[in-house]
Amino acid sequence: GGGGGGGGGGALRGGDLLLTVDGSPVRSLNEAEAASQASASVQLGVVRDGAPFAVTAPMLPSDGLGTTRVLGWAGLLLQETPDAVRAQRSVPAQGGVYASYRFYGSPSSPCDPSP
């Protein structure tokens, strides 16, 4: 969980400054990515509002392919929920369908499938 200082709270927020991954200093995105490859979770050293704290972050596997199939139904394009959407909306890792597009004038047009 998150530590003390600037209200760690166990989650990263916009504006947090990443200093370490599993105790190793990082100075670039490439260094942070390389340091986090071998673990199921990593300990991040972060500064928020001038106060240091630690947060444990799970690492999720990614094949890098993105969307591999889409289903068209009633004017909606449905797909597996993208990782970025999962992270932003707190969608469980195993579940959810994402409506990526709604065609105007289709049967789904009067509906609002957004969460």
PDB file of N, CA and C in Angstrom:
ATOM      1  N   GLY A   1       0.832  -1.187   0.000  1.00  0.00           N
ATOM      2  CA  GLY A   1       0.000   0.000   0.000  1.00  0.00           C
ATOM      3  C   GLY A   1       0.860   1.228   0.000  1.00  0.00           C
ATOM      4  N   GLY A   2       0.231   2.388  -0.040  1.00  0.00           N
ATOM      5  CA  GLY A   2       0.961   3.644  -0.079  1.00  0.00           C
ATOM      6  C   GLY A   2       1.529   3.980   1.276  1.00  0.00           C
ATOM      7  N   GLY A   3       2.583   4.758   1.297  1.00  0.00           N
ATOM      8  CA  GLY A   3       3.232   5.117   2.545  1.00  0.00           C
ATOM      9  C   GLY A   3       2.742   6.454   3.041  1.00  0.00           C
ATOM     10  N   GLY A   4       3.608   7.103   3.790  1.00  0.00           N
ATOM     11  CA  GLY A   4       3.219   8.371   4.391  1.00  0.00           C
ATOM     12  C   GLY A   4       3.432   9.522   3.455  1.00  0.00           C
ATOM     13  N   GLY A   5       3.822  10.623   4.025  1.00  0.00           N
ATOM     14  CA  GLY A   5       4.140  11.799   3.233  1.00  0.00           C
ATOM     15  C   GLY A   5       2.935  12.403   2.574  1.00  0.00           C
ATOM     16  N   GLY A   6       3.061  12.677   1.286  1.00  0.00           N
ATOM     17  CA  GLY A   6       2.068  13.440   0.544  1.00  0.00           C
ATOM     18  C   GLY A   6       0.822  12.690   0.192  1.00  0.00           C
ATOM     19  N   GLY A   7       0.282  11.900   1.076  1.00  0.00           N
ATOM     20  CA  GLY A   7      -0.982  11.219   0.807  1.00  0.00           C
ATOM     21  C   GLY A   7      -0.832  10.142  -0.225  1.00  0.00           C
ATOM     22  N   GLY A   8       0.060   9.186  -0.001  1.00  0.00           N
ATOM     23  CA  GLY A   8       0.323   8.114  -0.952  1.00  0.00           C
ATOM     24  C   GLY A   8      -0.933   7.438  -1.444  1.00  0.00           C
ATOM     25  N   GLY A   9      -1.740   6.913  -0.520  1.00  0.00           N
ATOM     26  CA  GLY A   9      -3.017   6.351  -0.891  1.00  0.00           C
ATOM     27  C   GLY A   9      -2.947   5.100  -1.741  1.00  0.00           C
ATOM     28  N   GLY A  10      -1.769   4.573  -2.064  1.00  0.00           N
ATOM     29  CA  GLY A  10      -1.654   3.317  -2.777  1.00  0.00           C
ATOM     30  C   GLY A  10      -1.838   3.392  -4.276  1.00  0.00           C
ATOM     31  N   ALA A  11      -1.969   4.549  -4.854  1.00  0.00           N
ATOM     32  CA  ALA A  11      -2.151   4.653  -6.301  1.00  0.00           C
ATOM     33  C   ALA A  11      -1.370   5.846  -6.838  1.00  0.00           C
ATOM     34  N   LEU A  12      -0.899   5.706  -8.052  1.00  0.00           N
ATOM     35  CA  LEU A  12      -0.207   6.827  -8.689  1.00  0.00           C
ATOM     36  C   LEU A  12      -1.226   7.844  -9.179  1.00  0.00           C
ATOM     37  N   ARG A  13      -0.815   9.090  -9.220  1.00  0.00           N
ATOM     38  CA  ARG A  13      -1.665  10.177  -9.715  1.00  0.00           C
ATOM     39  C   ARG A  13      -0.868  11.021 -10.695  1.00  0.00           C
ATOM     40  N   GLY A  14      -1.582  11.769 -11.510  1.00  0.00           N
ATOM     41  CA  GLY A  14      -0.927  12.715 -12.398  1.00  0.00           C
ATOM     42  C   GLY A  14      -0.088  13.685 -11.593  1.00  0.00           C
ATOM     43  N   GLY A  15       1.126  13.948 -12.024  1.00  0.00           N
ATOM     44  CA  GLY A  15       2.012  14.857 -11.321  1.00  0.00           C
ATOM     45  C   GLY A  15       2.977  14.169 -10.380  1.00  0.00           C
ATOM     46  N   ASP A  16       2.768  12.854 -10.100  1.00  0.00           N
ATOM     47  CA  ASP A  16       3.713  12.123  -9.271  1.00  0.00           C
ATOM     48  C   ASP A  16       5.049  12.037 -10.003  1.00  0.00           C
ATOM     49  N   LEU A  17       6.125  12.093  -9.248  1.00  0.00           N
ATOM     50  CA  LEU A  17       7.476  12.002  -9.801  1.00  0.00           C
ATOM     51  C   LEU A  17       8.046  10.643  -9.417  1.00  0.00           C
ATOM     52  N   LEU A  18       8.316   9.795 -10.407  1.00  0.00           N
ATOM     53  CA  LEU A  18       8.865   8.468 -10.185  1.00  0.00           C
ATOM     54  C   LEU A  18      10.369   8.574 -10.008  1.00  0.00           C
ATOM     55  N   LEU A  19      10.872   8.054  -8.877  1.00  0.00           N
ATOM     56  CA  LEU A  19      12.304   8.095  -8.586  1.00  0.00           C
ATOM     57  C   LEU A  19      12.966   6.727  -8.696  1.00  0.00           C
ATOM     58  N   THR A  20      12.290   5.682  -8.173  1.00  0.00           N
ATOM     59  CA  THR A  20      12.896   4.352  -8.163  1.00  0.00           C
ATOM     60  C   THR A  20      11.892   3.277  -8.540  1.00  0.00           C
ATOM     61  N   VAL A  21      12.409   2.161  -9.063  1.00  0.00           N
ATOM     62  CA  VAL A  21      11.634   0.942  -9.290  1.00  0.00           C
ATOM     63  C   VAL A  21      12.392  -0.168  -8.584  1.00  0.00           C
ATOM     64  N   ASP A  22      11.745  -0.799  -7.616  1.00  0.00           N
ATOM     65  CA  ASP A  22      12.371  -1.833  -6.780  1.00  0.00           C
ATOM     66  C   ASP A  22      13.713  -1.379  -6.226  1.00  0.00           C
ATOM     67  N   GLY A  23      13.779  -0.137  -5.800  1.00  0.00           N
ATOM     68  CA  GLY A  23      14.966   0.400  -5.167  1.00  0.00           C
ATOM     69  C   GLY A  23      16.035   0.922  -6.115  1.00  0.00           C
ATOM     70  N   SER A  24      15.885   0.689  -7.417  1.00  0.00           N
ATOM     71  CA  SER A  24      16.868   1.168  -8.397  1.00  0.00           C
ATOM     72  C   SER A  24      16.432   2.509  -8.968  1.00  0.00           C
ATOM     73  N   PRO A  25      17.319   3.504  -8.952  1.00  0.00           N
ATOM     74  CA  PRO A  25      16.962   4.815  -9.508  1.00  0.00           C
ATOM     75  C   PRO A  25      16.643   4.716 -11.005  1.00  0.00           C
ATOM     76  N   VAL A  26      15.658   5.491 -11.445  1.00  0.00           N
ATOM     77  CA  VAL A  26      15.316   5.544 -12.872  1.00  0.00           C
ATOM     78  C   VAL A  26      15.314   7.001 -13.320  1.00  0.00           C
ATOM     79  N   ARG A  27      15.865   7.226 -14.504  1.00  0.00           N
ATOM     80  CA  ARG A  27      15.958   8.579 -15.044  1.00  0.00           C
ATOM     81  C   ARG A  27      15.219   8.728 -16.371  1.00  0.00           C
ATOM     82  N   SER A  28      14.636   7.623 -16.870  1.00  0.00           N
ATOM     83  CA  SER A  28      13.920   7.697 -18.140  1.00  0.00           C
ATOM     84  C   SER A  28      12.832   6.626 -18.172  1.00  0.00           C
ATOM     85  N   LEU A  29      11.912   6.762 -19.098  1.00  0.00           N
ATOM     86  CA  LEU A  29      10.860   5.768 -19.273  1.00  0.00           C
ATOM     87  C   LEU A  29      11.468   4.415 -19.631  1.00  0.00           C
ATOM     88  N   ASN A  30      12.515   4.407 -20.459  1.00  0.00           N
ATOM     89  CA  ASN A  30      13.159   3.152 -20.832  1.00  0.00           C
ATOM     90  C   ASN A  30      13.743   2.440 -19.614  1.00  0.00           C
ATOM     91  N   GLU A  31      14.380   3.196 -18.705  1.00  0.00           N
ATOM     92  CA  GLU A  31      14.934   2.599 -17.487  1.00  0.00           C
ATOM     93  C   GLU A  31      13.822   2.045 -16.598  1.00  0.00           C
ATOM     94  N   ALA A  32      12.719   2.768 -16.470  1.00  0.00           N
ATOM     95  CA  ALA A  32      11.593   2.303 -15.653  1.00  0.00           C
ATOM     96  C   ALA A  32      10.999   1.028 -16.241  1.00  0.00           C
ATOM     97  N   GLU A  33      10.848   0.977 -17.552  1.00  0.00           N
ATOM     98  CA  GLU A  33      10.309  -0.211 -18.205  1.00  0.00           C
ATOM     99  C   GLU A  33      11.235  -1.404 -18.018  1.00  0.00           C
ATOM    100  N   ALA A  34      12.531  -1.207 -18.227  1.00  0.00           N
ATOM    101  CA  ALA A  34      13.497  -2.294 -18.077  1.00  0.00           C
ATOM    102  C   ALA A  34      13.521  -2.817 -16.644  1.00  0.00           C
ATOM    103  N   ALA A  35      13.424  -1.930 -15.666  1.00  0.00           N
ATOM    104  CA  ALA A  35      13.484  -2.330 -14.266  1.00  0.00           C
ATOM    105  C   ALA A  35      12.236  -3.093 -13.826  1.00  0.00           C
ATOM    106  N   SER A  36      11.142  -2.969 -14.546  1.00  0.00           N
ATOM    107  CA  SER A  36       9.887  -3.594 -14.130  1.00  0.00           C
ATOM    108  C   SER A  36       9.553  -4.859 -14.906  1.00  0.00           C
ATOM    109  N   GLN A  37      10.415  -5.330 -15.779  1.00  0.00           N
ATOM    110  CA  GLN A  37      10.111  -6.466 -16.642  1.00  0.00           C
ATOM    111  C   GLN A  37      10.063  -7.812 -15.934  1.00  0.00           C
ATOM    112  N   ALA A  38      10.846  -8.032 -14.908  1.00  0.00           N
ATOM    113  CA  ALA A  38      11.018  -9.371 -14.347  1.00  0.00           C
ATOM    114  C   ALA A  38      10.074  -9.706 -13.201  1.00  0.00           C
ATOM    115  N   SER A  39       9.163  -8.843 -12.834  1.00  0.00           N
ATOM    116  CA  SER A  39       8.351  -9.065 -11.636  1.00  0.00           C
ATOM    117  C   SER A  39       6.865  -9.033 -11.931  1.00  0.00           C
ATOM    118  N   ALA A  40       6.105  -9.699 -11.044  1.00  0.00           N
ATOM    119  CA  ALA A  40       4.645  -9.627 -11.124  1.00  0.00           C
ATOM    120  C   ALA A  40       4.143  -8.318 -10.525  1.00  0.00           C
ATOM    121  N   SER A  41       4.957  -7.712  -9.630  1.00  0.00           N
ATOM    122  CA  SER A  41       4.643  -6.400  -9.078  1.00  0.00           C
ATOM    123  C   SER A  41       5.958  -5.715  -8.728  1.00  0.00           C
ATOM    124  N   VAL A  42       5.934  -4.398  -8.659  1.00  0.00           N
ATOM    125  CA  VAL A  42       7.141  -3.630  -8.351  1.00  0.00           C
ATOM    126  C   VAL A  42       6.832  -2.608  -7.261  1.00  0.00           C
ATOM    127  N   GLN A  43       7.864  -2.266  -6.517  1.00  0.00           N
ATOM    128  CA  GLN A  43       7.771  -1.223  -5.502  1.00  0.00           C
ATOM    129  C   GLN A  43       8.289   0.064  -6.139  1.00  0.00           C
ATOM    130  N   LEU A  44       7.459   1.087  -6.168  1.00  0.00           N
ATOM    131  CA  LEU A  44       7.825   2.360  -6.783  1.00  0.00           C
ATOM    132  C   LEU A  44       8.110   3.390  -5.708  1.00  0.00           C
ATOM    133  N   GLY A  45       9.231   4.091  -5.858  1.00  0.00           N
ATOM    134  CA  GLY A  45       9.542   5.224  -4.993  1.00  0.00           C
ATOM    135  C   GLY A  45       9.093   6.484  -5.699  1.00  0.00           C
ATOM    136  N   VAL A  46       8.188   7.237  -5.093  1.00  0.00           N
ATOM    137  CA  VAL A  46       7.513   8.354  -5.738  1.00  0.00           C
ATOM    138  C   VAL A  46       7.573   9.587  -4.841  1.00  0.00           C
ATOM    139  N   VAL A  47       7.575  10.765  -5.460  1.00  0.00           N
ATOM    140  CA  VAL A  47       7.416  12.023  -4.722  1.00  0.00           C
ATOM    141  C   VAL A  47       6.121  12.675  -5.202  1.00  0.00           C
ATOM    142  N   ARG A  48       5.270  13.041  -4.216  1.00  0.00           N
ATOM    143  CA  ARG A  48       4.019  13.758  -4.519  1.00  0.00           C
ATOM    144  C   ARG A  48       3.934  14.948  -3.579  1.00  0.00           C
ATOM    145  N   ASP A  49       3.701  16.102  -4.145  1.00  0.00           N
ATOM    146  CA  ASP A  49       3.586  17.331  -3.348  1.00  0.00           C
ATOM    147  C   ASP A  49       4.784  17.521  -2.421  1.00  0.00           C
ATOM    148  N   GLY A  50       5.968  17.153  -2.911  1.00  0.00           N
ATOM    149  CA  GLY A  50       7.200  17.342  -2.161  1.00  0.00           C
ATOM    150  C   GLY A  50       7.509  16.289  -1.120  1.00  0.00           C
ATOM    151  N   ALA A  51       6.635  15.294  -0.942  1.00  0.00           N
ATOM    152  CA  ALA A  51       6.849  14.266   0.072  1.00  0.00           C
ATOM    153  C   ALA A  51       7.043  12.898  -0.581  1.00  0.00           C
ATOM    154  N   PRO A  52       8.094  12.165  -0.175  1.00  0.00           N
ATOM    155  CA  PRO A  52       8.322  10.838  -0.742  1.00  0.00           C
ATOM    156  C   PRO A  52       7.396   9.790  -0.132  1.00  0.00           C
ATOM    157  N   PHE A  53       7.053   8.787  -0.910  1.00  0.00           N
ATOM    158  CA  PHE A  53       6.313   7.631  -0.411  1.00  0.00           C
ATOM    159  C   PHE A  53       6.539   6.469  -1.364  1.00  0.00           C
ATOM    160  N   ALA A  54       6.095   5.278  -0.968  1.00  0.00           N
ATOM    161  CA  ALA A  54       6.248   4.077  -1.784  1.00  0.00           C
ATOM    162  C   ALA A  54       4.874   3.524  -2.122  1.00  0.00           C
ATOM    163  N   VAL A  55       4.766   2.930  -3.290  1.00  0.00           N
ATOM    164  CA  VAL A  55       3.526   2.280  -3.710  1.00  0.00           C
ATOM    165  C   VAL A  55       3.900   0.998  -4.448  1.00  0.00           C
ATOM    166  N   THR A  56       3.134  -0.060  -4.207  1.00  0.00           N
ATOM    167  CA  THR A  56       3.332  -1.309  -4.927  1.00  0.00           C
ATOM    168  C   THR A  56       2.395  -1.321  -6.120  1.00  0.00           C
ATOM    169  N   ALA A  57       2.947  -1.605  -7.284  1.00  0.00           N
ATOM    170  CA  ALA A  57       2.156  -1.598  -8.518  1.00  0.00           C
ATOM    171  C   ALA A  57       2.218  -2.969  -9.181  1.00  0.00           C
ATOM    172  N   PRO A  58       1.064  -3.555  -9.529  1.00  0.00           N
ATOM    173  CA  PRO A  58       1.070  -4.835 -10.241  1.00  0.00           C
ATOM    174  C   PRO A  58       1.498  -4.621 -11.691  1.00  0.00           C
ATOM    175  N   MET A  59       2.195  -5.581 -12.237  1.00  0.00           N
ATOM    176  CA  MET A  59       2.581  -5.542 -13.648  1.00  0.00           C
ATOM    177  C   MET A  59       1.642  -6.473 -14.413  1.00  0.00           C
ATOM    178  N   LEU A  60       1.066  -5.979 -15.491  1.00  0.00           N
ATOM    179  CA  LEU A  60       0.138  -6.769 -16.290  1.00  0.00           C
ATOM    180  C   LEU A  60       0.812  -7.168 -17.594  1.00  0.00           C
ATOM    181  N   PRO A  61       0.669  -8.449 -17.989  1.00  0.00           N
ATOM    182  CA  PRO A  61       1.277  -8.863 -19.259  1.00  0.00           C
ATOM    183  C   PRO A  61       0.596  -8.182 -20.442  1.00  0.00           C
ATOM    184  N   SER A  62       1.353  -7.884 -21.451  1.00  0.00           N
ATOM    185  CA  SER A  62       0.818  -7.264 -22.661  1.00  0.00           C
ATOM    186  C   SER A  62       1.569  -7.818 -23.859  1.00  0.00           C
ATOM    187  N   ASP A  63       0.817  -8.260 -24.855  1.00  0.00           N
ATOM    188  CA  ASP A  63       1.467  -8.796 -26.048  1.00  0.00           C
ATOM    189  C   ASP A  63       1.836  -7.696 -27.031  1.00  0.00           C
ATOM    190  N   GLY A  64       1.386  -6.471 -26.760  1.00  0.00           N
ATOM    191  CA  GLY A  64       1.719  -5.353 -27.629  1.00  0.00           C
ATOM    192  C   GLY A  64       0.914  -5.289 -28.916  1.00  0.00           C
ATOM    193  N   LEU A  65      -0.020  -6.200 -29.091  1.00  0.00           N
ATOM    194  CA  LEU A  65      -0.787  -6.234 -30.334  1.00  0.00           C
ATOM    195  C   LEU A  65      -1.989  -5.299 -30.323  1.00  0.00           C
ATOM    196  N   GLY A  66      -2.484  -4.962 -29.151  1.00  0.00           N
ATOM    197  CA  GLY A  66      -3.667  -4.108 -29.074  1.00  0.00           C
ATOM    198  C   GLY A  66      -4.911  -4.891 -29.444  1.00  0.00           C
ATOM    199  N   THR A  67      -5.810  -4.279 -30.185  1.00  0.00           N
ATOM    200  CA  THR A  67      -7.055  -4.921 -30.580  1.00  0.00           C
ATOM    201  C   THR A  67      -6.786  -5.980 -31.634  1.00  0.00           C
ATOM    202  N   THR A  68      -7.240  -7.211 -31.368  1.00  0.00           N
ATOM    203  CA  THR A  68      -7.039  -8.296 -32.323  1.00  0.00           C
ATOM    204  C   THR A  68      -8.336  -8.768 -32.967  1.00  0.00           C
ATOM    205  N   ARG A  69      -9.488  -8.401 -32.387  1.00  0.00           N
ATOM    206  CA  ARG A  69     -10.764  -8.713 -33.037  1.00  0.00           C
ATOM    207  C   ARG A  69     -11.837  -7.754 -32.563  1.00  0.00           C
ATOM    208  N   VAL A  70     -12.788  -7.509 -33.443  1.00  0.00           N
ATOM    209  CA  VAL A  70     -13.885  -6.583 -33.183  1.00  0.00           C
ATOM    210  C   VAL A  70     -15.169  -7.249 -33.654  1.00  0.00           C
ATOM    211  N   LEU A  71     -16.251  -7.057 -32.910  1.00  0.00           N
ATOM    212  CA  LEU A  71     -17.552  -7.590 -33.266  1.00  0.00           C
ATOM    213  C   LEU A  71     -18.487  -6.431 -33.546  1.00  0.00           C
ATOM    214  N   GLY A  72     -19.141  -6.462 -34.701  1.00  0.00           N
ATOM    215  CA  GLY A  72     -20.156  -5.463 -35.015  1.00  0.00           C
ATOM    216  C   GLY A  72     -21.519  -5.995 -34.614  1.00  0.00           C
ATOM    217  N   TRP A  73     -22.259  -5.250 -33.772  1.00  0.00           N
ATOM    218  CA  TRP A  73     -23.575  -5.682 -33.322  1.00  0.00           C
ATOM    219  C   TRP A  73     -24.468  -4.469 -33.147  1.00  0.00           C
ATOM    220  N   ALA A  74     -25.574  -4.444 -33.874  1.00  0.00           N
ATOM    221  CA  ALA A  74     -26.593  -3.397 -33.765  1.00  0.00           C
ATOM    222  C   ALA A  74     -26.004  -1.994 -33.912  1.00  0.00           C
ATOM    223  N   GLY A  75     -24.975  -1.859 -34.724  1.00  0.00           N
ATOM    224  CA  GLY A  75     -24.370  -0.553 -34.939  1.00  0.00           C
ATOM    225  C   GLY A  75     -23.295  -0.185 -33.931  1.00  0.00           C
ATOM    226  N   LEU A  76     -22.928  -1.132 -33.076  1.00  0.00           N
ATOM    227  CA  LEU A  76     -21.830  -0.916 -32.139  1.00  0.00           C
ATOM    228  C   LEU A  76     -20.629  -1.735 -32.580  1.00  0.00           C
ATOM    229  N   LEU A  77     -19.442  -1.210 -32.385  1.00  0.00           N
ATOM    230  CA  LEU A  77     -18.224  -2.000 -32.533  1.00  0.00           C
ATOM    231  C   LEU A  77     -17.794  -2.385 -31.125  1.00  0.00           C
ATOM    232  N   LEU A  78     -17.786  -3.693 -30.852  1.00  0.00           N
ATOM    233  CA  LEU A  78     -17.456  -4.210 -29.525  1.00  0.00           C
ATOM    234  C   LEU A  78     -16.107  -4.917 -29.582  1.00  0.00           C
ATOM    235  N   GLN A  79     -15.325  -4.770 -28.517  1.00  0.00           N
ATOM    236  CA  GLN A  79     -14.015  -5.402 -28.453  1.00  0.00           C
ATOM    237  C   GLN A  79     -13.653  -5.645 -26.993  1.00  0.00           C
ATOM    238  N   GLU A  80     -12.569  -6.396 -26.781  1.00  0.00           N
ATOM    239  CA  GLU A  80     -12.051  -6.557 -25.430  1.00  0.00           C
ATOM    240  C   GLU A  80     -11.621  -5.185 -24.938  1.00  0.00           C
ATOM    241  N   THR A  81     -11.789  -4.944 -23.660  1.00  0.00           N
ATOM    242  CA  THR A  81     -11.448  -3.641 -23.099  1.00  0.00           C
ATOM    243  C   THR A  81      -9.945  -3.401 -23.194  1.00  0.00           C
ATOM    244  N   PRO A  82      -9.509  -2.307 -23.845  1.00  0.00           N
ATOM    245  CA  PRO A  82      -8.075  -2.000 -23.943  1.00  0.00           C
ATOM    246  C   PRO A  82      -7.450  -1.758 -22.571  1.00  0.00           C
ATOM    247  N   ASP A  83      -6.171  -2.094 -22.425  1.00  0.00           N
ATOM    248  CA  ASP A  83      -5.471  -1.944 -21.149  1.00  0.00           C
ATOM    249  C   ASP A  83      -5.552  -0.521 -20.612  1.00  0.00           C
ATOM    250  N   ALA A  84      -5.415   0.473 -21.476  1.00  0.00           N
ATOM    251  CA  ALA A  84      -5.457   1.866 -21.024  1.00  0.00           C
ATOM    252  C   ALA A  84      -6.824   2.208 -20.434  1.00  0.00           C
ATOM    253  N   VAL A  85      -7.897   1.699 -21.034  1.00  0.00           N
ATOM    254  CA  VAL A  85      -9.244   1.946 -20.518  1.00  0.00           C
ATOM    255  C   VAL A  85      -9.431   1.214 -19.195  1.00  0.00           C
ATOM    256  N   ARG A  86      -8.930  -0.020 -19.108  1.00  0.00           N
ATOM    257  CA  ARG A  86      -9.003  -0.773 -17.844  1.00  0.00           C
ATOM    258  C   ARG A  86      -8.365   0.019 -16.705  1.00  0.00           C
ATOM    259  N   ALA A  87      -7.185   0.562 -16.977  1.00  0.00           N
ATOM    260  CA  ALA A  87      -6.458   1.299 -15.950  1.00  0.00           C
ATOM    261  C   ALA A  87      -7.192   2.571 -15.541  1.00  0.00           C
ATOM    262  N   GLN A  88      -7.755   3.281 -16.502  1.00  0.00           N
ATOM    263  CA  GLN A  88      -8.427   4.546 -16.207  1.00  0.00           C
ATOM    264  C   GLN A  88      -9.763   4.350 -15.508  1.00  0.00           C
ATOM    265  N   ARG A  89     -10.445   3.268 -15.826  1.00  0.00           N
ATOM    266  CA  ARG A  89     -11.801   3.056 -15.299  1.00  0.00           C
ATOM    267  C   ARG A  89     -11.881   1.970 -14.248  1.00  0.00           C
ATOM    268  N   SER A  90     -10.747   1.428 -13.825  1.00  0.00           N
ATOM    269  CA  SER A  90     -10.696   0.361 -12.810  1.00  0.00           C
ATOM    270  C   SER A  90     -11.530  -0.846 -13.197  1.00  0.00           C
ATOM    271  N   VAL A  91     -11.422  -1.283 -14.451  1.00  0.00           N
ATOM    272  CA  VAL A  91     -12.108  -2.481 -14.936  1.00  0.00           C
ATOM    273  C   VAL A  91     -11.265  -3.692 -14.547  1.00  0.00           C
ATOM    274  N   PRO A  92     -11.875  -4.761 -14.012  1.00  0.00           N
ATOM    275  CA  PRO A  92     -11.095  -5.951 -13.662  1.00  0.00           C
ATOM    276  C   PRO A  92     -10.334  -6.498 -14.866  1.00  0.00           C
ATOM    277  N   ALA A  93      -9.189  -7.135 -14.600  1.00  0.00           N
ATOM    278  CA  ALA A  93      -8.330  -7.647 -15.668  1.00  0.00           C
ATOM    279  C   ALA A  93      -9.037  -8.687 -16.525  1.00  0.00           C
ATOM    280  N   GLN A  94      -9.911  -9.480 -15.956  1.00  0.00           N
ATOM    281  CA  GLN A  94     -10.616 -10.518 -16.711  1.00  0.00           C
ATOM    282  C   GLN A  94     -12.092 -10.170 -16.818  1.00  0.00           C
ATOM    283  N   GLY A  95     -12.434  -9.309 -17.734  1.00  0.00           N
ATOM    284  CA  GLY A  95     -13.839  -9.006 -17.879  1.00  0.00           C
ATOM    285  C   GLY A  95     -14.079  -7.705 -18.599  1.00  0.00           C
ATOM    286  N   GLY A  96     -15.299  -7.535 -18.997  1.00  0.00           N
ATOM    287  CA  GLY A  96     -15.701  -6.298 -19.632  1.00  0.00           C
ATOM    288  C   GLY A  96     -15.665  -6.359 -21.141  1.00  0.00           C
ATOM    289  N   VAL A  97     -16.583  -5.657 -21.731  1.00  0.00           N
ATOM    290  CA  VAL A  97     -16.637  -5.474 -23.174  1.00  0.00           C
ATOM    291  C   VAL A  97     -16.624  -3.977 -23.410  1.00  0.00           C
ATOM    292  N   TYR A  98     -15.881  -3.545 -24.392  1.00  0.00           N
ATOM    293  CA  TYR A  98     -15.723  -2.123 -24.672  1.00  0.00           C
ATOM    294  C   TYR A  98     -16.422  -1.789 -25.983  1.00  0.00           C
ATOM    295  N   ALA A  99     -17.353  -0.843 -25.930  1.00  0.00           N
ATOM    296  CA  ALA A  99     -18.013  -0.351 -27.146  1.00  0.00           C
ATOM    297  C   ALA A  99     -17.144   0.779 -27.692  1.00  0.00           C
ATOM    298  N   SER A 100     -16.357   0.471 -28.713  1.00  0.00           N
ATOM    299  CA  SER A 100     -15.382   1.443 -29.211  1.00  0.00           C
ATOM    300  C   SER A 100     -15.973   2.434 -30.208  1.00  0.00           C
ATOM    301  N   TYR A 101     -17.137   2.117 -30.787  1.00  0.00           N
ATOM    302  CA  TYR A 101     -17.734   3.036 -31.742  1.00  0.00           C
ATOM    303  C   TYR A 101     -19.225   2.747 -31.845  1.00  0.00           C
ATOM    304  N   ARG A 102     -20.020   3.795 -32.076  1.00  0.00           N
ATOM    305  CA  ARG A 102     -21.456   3.663 -32.291  1.00  0.00           C
ATOM    306  C   ARG A 102     -21.800   4.381 -33.585  1.00  0.00           C
ATOM    307  N   PHE A 103     -22.380   3.644 -34.526  1.00  0.00           N
ATOM    308  CA  PHE A 103     -22.732   4.228 -35.823  1.00  0.00           C
ATOM    309  C   PHE A 103     -24.023   5.035 -35.709  1.00  0.00           C
ATOM    310  N   TYR A 104     -23.971   6.268 -36.182  1.00  0.00           N
ATOM    311  CA  TYR A 104     -25.133   7.151 -36.166  1.00  0.00           C
ATOM    312  C   TYR A 104     -26.238   6.547 -37.030  1.00  0.00           C
ATOM    313  N   GLY A 105     -27.478   6.551 -36.541  1.00  0.00           N
ATOM    314  CA  GLY A 105     -28.619   6.024 -37.280  1.00  0.00           C
ATOM    315  C   GLY A 105     -28.824   4.533 -37.112  1.00  0.00           C
ATOM    316  N   SER A 106     -27.949   3.862 -36.406  1.00  0.00           N
ATOM    317  CA  SER A 106     -28.073   2.417 -36.183  1.00  0.00           C
ATOM    318  C   SER A 106     -29.044   2.153 -35.035  1.00  0.00           C
ATOM    319  N   PRO A 107     -29.446   0.892 -34.827  1.00  0.00           N
ATOM    320  CA  PRO A 107     -30.321   0.585 -33.688  1.00  0.00           C
ATOM    321  C   PRO A 107     -29.740   1.015 -32.336  1.00  0.00           C
ATOM    322  N   SER A 108     -28.422   1.064 -32.228  1.00  0.00           N
ATOM    323  CA  SER A 108     -27.813   1.470 -30.964  1.00  0.00           C
ATOM    324  C   SER A 108     -27.696   2.981 -30.826  1.00  0.00           C
ATOM    325  N   SER A 109     -27.996   3.705 -31.880  1.00  0.00           N
ATOM    326  CA  SER A 109     -27.815   5.152 -31.890  1.00  0.00           C
ATOM    327  C   SER A 109     -28.548   5.886 -30.758  1.00  0.00           C
ATOM    328  N   PRO A 110     -29.806   5.549 -30.439  1.00  0.00           N
ATOM    329  CA  PRO A 110     -30.477   6.277 -29.363  1.00  0.00           C
ATOM    330  C   PRO A 110     -29.969   5.890 -27.959  1.00  0.00           C
ATOM    331  N   CYS A 111     -29.221   4.807 -27.853  1.00  0.00           N
ATOM    332  CA  CYS A 111     -28.726   4.348 -26.558  1.00  0.00           C
ATOM    333  C   CYS A 111     -27.386   4.997 -26.246  1.00  0.00           C
ATOM    334  N   ASP A 112     -27.087   5.053 -24.977  1.00  0.00           N
ATOM    335  CA  ASP A 112     -25.768   5.539 -24.559  1.00  0.00           C
ATOM    336  C   ASP A 112     -25.101   4.430 -23.772  1.00  0.00           C
ATOM    337  N   PRO A 113     -24.219   3.632 -24.416  1.00  0.00           N
ATOM    338  CA  PRO A 113     -23.602   2.491 -23.727  1.00  0.00           C
ATOM    339  C   PRO A 113     -22.426   2.879 -22.826  1.00  0.00           C
ATOM    340  N   SER A 114     -22.132   4.168 -22.721  1.00  0.00           N
ATOM    341  CA  SER A 114     -20.982   4.557 -21.907  1.00  0.00           C
ATOM    342  C   SER A 114     -21.272   4.303 -20.431  1.00  0.00           C
ATOM    343  N   PRO A 115     -20.198   4.006 -19.651  1.00  0.00           N
ATOM    344  CA  PRO A 115     -20.396   3.698 -18.219  1.00  0.00           C
ATOM    345  C   PRO A 115     -20.814   4.916 -17.423  1.00  0.00           C
TER     346      PRO A 115
END
